[in-house]
Every structure is written in structure tokens, then in C-alpha cells.
Amino acid sequence: MALIKNVKVGDRVELLDMNDSFSKLEKGAKGTVFKIEVDQDLIWVNWDNGEKLALLTDMDKFKVLTK
């Protein structure tokens, strides 16, 4: 939950690690946060490759990019 407090809608994020065999995302993928579900620990991202996929804050590793 602490990670969600540091992220806002509109922030750019970079994927560091994700264990999702159905996703085409790779380390270094970038996207823009469009929705945050605090109660589900989900950060929804419009990824630059066209995917709309949530980060699971307890499993996925990512960083917020400096503006």
C-alpha cells in the first residue's frame, strides 16, 4: 500500500519486473497511470506498447519516472 501513496494518476512509470506470462511487457517498458484501486492494490497503466494492464503492488516491481 505504501507504493500506491507515491503514485498518482498521470505519473509515468517504468517496469522493472513482472511475472505475467500473458503480457508482452518486458523490463524497461514505460506507461502512464490512468487509474488506482487502493483497495485492490492495483495501479492501472496505459503502456506505451498499447496494453492496458495493472501493476500488482505486492508482486510487480516498478519505478515512477522523474518529471
Protein backbone atom coordinates (compact mmCIF):
# COMPACT_ATOMS: atom_id res chain seq x y z
CA MET A 1 0.00 0.00 0.00
CA ALA A 2 2.90 2.37 0.62
CA LEU A 3 3.78 2.23 -3.08
CA ILE A 4 0.32 3.39 -4.08
CA LYS A 5 0.65 6.51 -1.95
CA ASN A 6 3.70 7.51 -4.01
CA VAL A 7 1.89 7.16 -7.35
CA LYS A 8 -0.71 9.49 -8.91
CA VAL A 9 -2.89 9.29 -11.99
CA GLY A 10 -0.86 10.81 -14.82
CA ASP A 11 2.51 9.61 -13.49
CA ARG A 12 4.87 7.86 -15.89
CA VAL A 13 6.18 4.51 -14.67
CA GLU A 14 8.84 2.07 -15.82
CA LEU A 15 8.52 -1.68 -15.36
CA LEU A 16 11.41 -3.33 -13.54
CA ASP A 17 9.97 -6.84 -13.11
CA MET A 18 6.63 -8.58 -13.73
CA ASN A 19 5.76 -12.27 -13.60
CA ASP A 20 2.91 -12.41 -16.13
CA SER A 21 3.31 -14.92 -18.97
CA PHE A 22 0.29 -13.49 -20.85
CA SER A 23 1.71 -9.97 -21.10
CA LYS A 24 4.04 -8.76 -23.84
CA LEU A 25 5.59 -6.26 -21.43
CA GLU A 26 9.31 -6.51 -20.82
CA LYS A 27 11.68 -4.92 -18.35
CA GLY A 28 12.06 -1.25 -19.22
CA ALA A 29 8.52 -0.86 -20.60
CA LYS A 30 7.03 2.56 -19.88
CA GLY A 31 3.48 3.76 -19.48
CA THR A 32 1.12 6.27 -17.89
CA VAL A 33 -1.01 5.60 -14.81
CA PHE A 34 -4.73 6.07 -15.57
CA LYS A 35 -6.44 4.54 -12.53
CA ILE A 36 -5.52 3.48 -9.00
CA GLU A 37 -7.51 0.94 -6.98
CA VAL A 38 -6.15 1.29 -3.45
CA ASP A 39 -8.46 -1.40 -2.02
CA GLN A 40 -7.18 -3.94 -4.59
CA ASP A 41 -3.52 -2.77 -4.56
CA LEU A 42 -3.71 -2.18 -8.34
CA ILE A 43 -2.14 0.57 -10.40
CA TRP A 44 -3.65 0.58 -13.90
CA VAL A 45 -1.29 1.67 -16.65
CA ASN A 46 -1.70 2.56 -20.33
CA TRP A 47 1.56 1.06 -21.53
CA ASP A 48 3.31 2.63 -24.50
CA ASN A 49 3.01 -0.68 -26.43
CA GLY A 50 -0.80 -0.35 -26.34
CA GLU A 51 -1.51 -2.73 -23.45
CA LYS A 52 -3.73 -1.68 -20.58
CA LEU A 53 -2.53 -3.74 -17.64
CA ALA A 54 -2.42 -3.21 -13.90
CA LEU A 55 0.65 -3.40 -11.74
CA LEU A 56 0.14 -5.58 -8.67
CA THR A 57 1.87 -3.56 -5.98
CA ASP A 58 2.69 -6.58 -3.84
CA MET A 59 4.28 -8.56 -6.73
CA ASP A 60 5.44 -6.31 -9.58
CA LYS A 61 8.47 -4.06 -9.39
CA PHE A 62 8.37 -0.63 -11.00
CA LYS A 63 9.56 2.90 -10.53
CA VAL A 64 7.93 6.28 -11.00
CA LEU A 65 9.85 8.31 -13.55
CA THR A 66 11.04 11.78 -12.62
CA LYS A 67 9.18 14.52 -14.45
